[in-house]
């Protein structure tokens, strides 16, 4: 399920709590200035993984799903509005997945 990873990500990025999860999330810092950098200021860096088990790690899975959601949802001003905006996105993604 996508929503628990994303909710924990938003909570950790917004409040820096809990510390154990916040240390696993790294904000993506490009090597040089990009024109699109202003729009993507909250992308998370995906760590390198070498095994299929590594893809299940919170730091990798959270970064992958966080970067997949639209920016207007990521830039929500509070955790409650974030969750309210995330729900239709998750339902639409699940509905699309069922109709493949």
Protein backbone atom coordinates (compact mmCIF):
# COMPACT_ATOMS: atom_id res chain seq x y z
CA UNK A 1 0.00 0.00 0.00
CA UNK A 2 1.31 3.42 -0.96
CA UNK A 3 -0.31 5.73 1.60
CA UNK A 4 1.51 4.66 4.81
CA UNK A 5 4.96 5.27 3.28
CA UNK A 6 3.86 8.66 2.00
CA UNK A 7 2.15 9.71 5.23
CA UNK A 8 5.23 8.81 7.26
CA UNK A 9 7.38 10.68 4.73
CA UNK A 10 5.31 13.86 4.95
CA UNK A 11 5.19 13.72 8.72
CA UNK A 12 8.92 13.23 8.95
CA UNK A 13 9.74 15.98 6.44
CA UNK A 14 7.33 18.47 8.01
CA UNK A 15 8.20 17.93 11.68
CA UNK A 16 11.58 16.14 11.54
CA UNK A 17 10.02 13.54 13.85
CA UNK A 18 10.59 10.70 14.49
CA UNK A 19 14.32 11.10 14.22
CA UNK A 20 14.93 7.50 13.18
CA UNK A 21 12.83 7.98 10.02
CA UNK A 22 14.05 11.50 9.31
CA UNK A 23 17.65 10.29 9.13
CA UNK A 24 16.65 7.78 6.43
CA UNK A 25 15.27 10.50 4.12
CA UNK A 26 17.70 12.59 2.09
CA UNK A 27 16.60 15.62 0.07
CA UNK A 28 17.83 15.42 -3.52
CA UNK A 29 20.59 17.96 -4.19
CA UNK A 30 21.55 18.22 -7.88
CA UNK A 31 25.22 18.66 -8.72
CA UNK A 32 24.56 21.85 -10.67
CA UNK A 33 21.70 24.34 -10.86
CA UNK A 34 18.69 23.14 -12.83
CA UNK A 35 15.91 25.37 -14.12
CA UNK A 36 13.40 22.82 -12.88
CA UNK A 37 14.95 22.87 -9.41
CA UNK A 38 12.53 25.54 -8.20
CA UNK A 39 9.58 23.25 -8.95
CA UNK A 40 11.12 20.10 -7.49
CA UNK A 41 12.51 21.36 -4.22
CA UNK A 42 11.20 18.41 -2.21
CA UNK A 43 12.39 15.43 -4.21
CA UNK A 44 14.03 12.69 -2.19
CA UNK A 45 17.27 11.03 -3.22
CA UNK A 46 16.95 7.30 -3.85
CA UNK A 47 19.77 5.32 -2.27
CA UNK A 48 21.60 2.73 -4.35
CA UNK A 49 20.33 -0.78 -3.78
CA UNK A 50 21.99 -3.95 -4.97
CA UNK A 51 19.49 -6.63 -3.94
CA UNK A 52 15.78 -7.16 -4.27
CA UNK A 53 15.54 -6.94 -0.49
CA UNK A 54 17.05 -3.45 -0.63
CA UNK A 55 14.08 -2.29 -2.71
CA UNK A 56 11.86 -3.01 0.28
CA UNK A 57 13.83 -0.74 2.61
CA UNK A 58 11.96 2.33 3.87
CA UNK A 59 14.55 4.79 2.56
CA UNK A 60 14.25 3.42 -1.00
CA UNK A 61 10.50 2.74 -1.08
CA UNK A 62 9.61 6.07 0.53
CA UNK A 63 11.79 8.03 -1.89
CA UNK A 64 10.38 6.20 -4.90
CA UNK A 65 6.74 6.73 -3.94
CA UNK A 66 7.28 10.32 -2.68
CA UNK A 67 8.86 11.34 -6.00
CA UNK A 68 5.93 9.78 -7.90
CA UNK A 69 3.19 11.93 -6.39
CA UNK A 70 2.31 15.32 -7.93
CA UNK A 71 3.95 18.49 -6.61
CA UNK A 72 0.68 20.12 -5.56
CA UNK A 73 0.19 17.26 -3.09
CA UNK A 74 3.82 17.38 -1.85
CA UNK A 75 3.58 21.12 -1.23
CA UNK A 76 0.52 20.87 1.01
CA UNK A 77 0.80 23.28 3.94
CA UNK A 78 -0.13 20.78 6.67
CA UNK A 79 -0.17 17.05 7.25
CA UNK A 80 -3.99 16.96 7.40
CA UNK A 81 -4.37 18.76 4.04
CA UNK A 82 -1.68 16.49 2.62
CA UNK A 83 -3.64 13.39 3.62
CA UNK A 84 -6.87 14.93 2.30
CA UNK A 85 -5.22 15.62 -1.09
CA UNK A 86 -3.45 12.26 -1.19
CA UNK A 87 -6.59 10.15 -0.85
CA UNK A 88 -8.06 10.89 -4.33
CA UNK A 89 -4.63 10.37 -5.90
CA UNK A 90 -4.28 6.92 -4.28
CA UNK A 91 -7.79 5.89 -5.29
CA UNK A 92 -7.19 7.00 -8.88
CA UNK A 93 -3.87 5.13 -9.03
CA UNK A 94 -5.47 1.99 -7.60
CA UNK A 95 -8.41 2.21 -10.02
CA UNK A 96 -6.00 2.60 -12.95
CA UNK A 97 -4.00 -0.39 -11.72
CA UNK A 98 -7.13 -2.57 -11.58
CA UNK A 99 -8.12 -1.68 -15.14
CA UNK A 100 -4.81 -2.65 -16.75
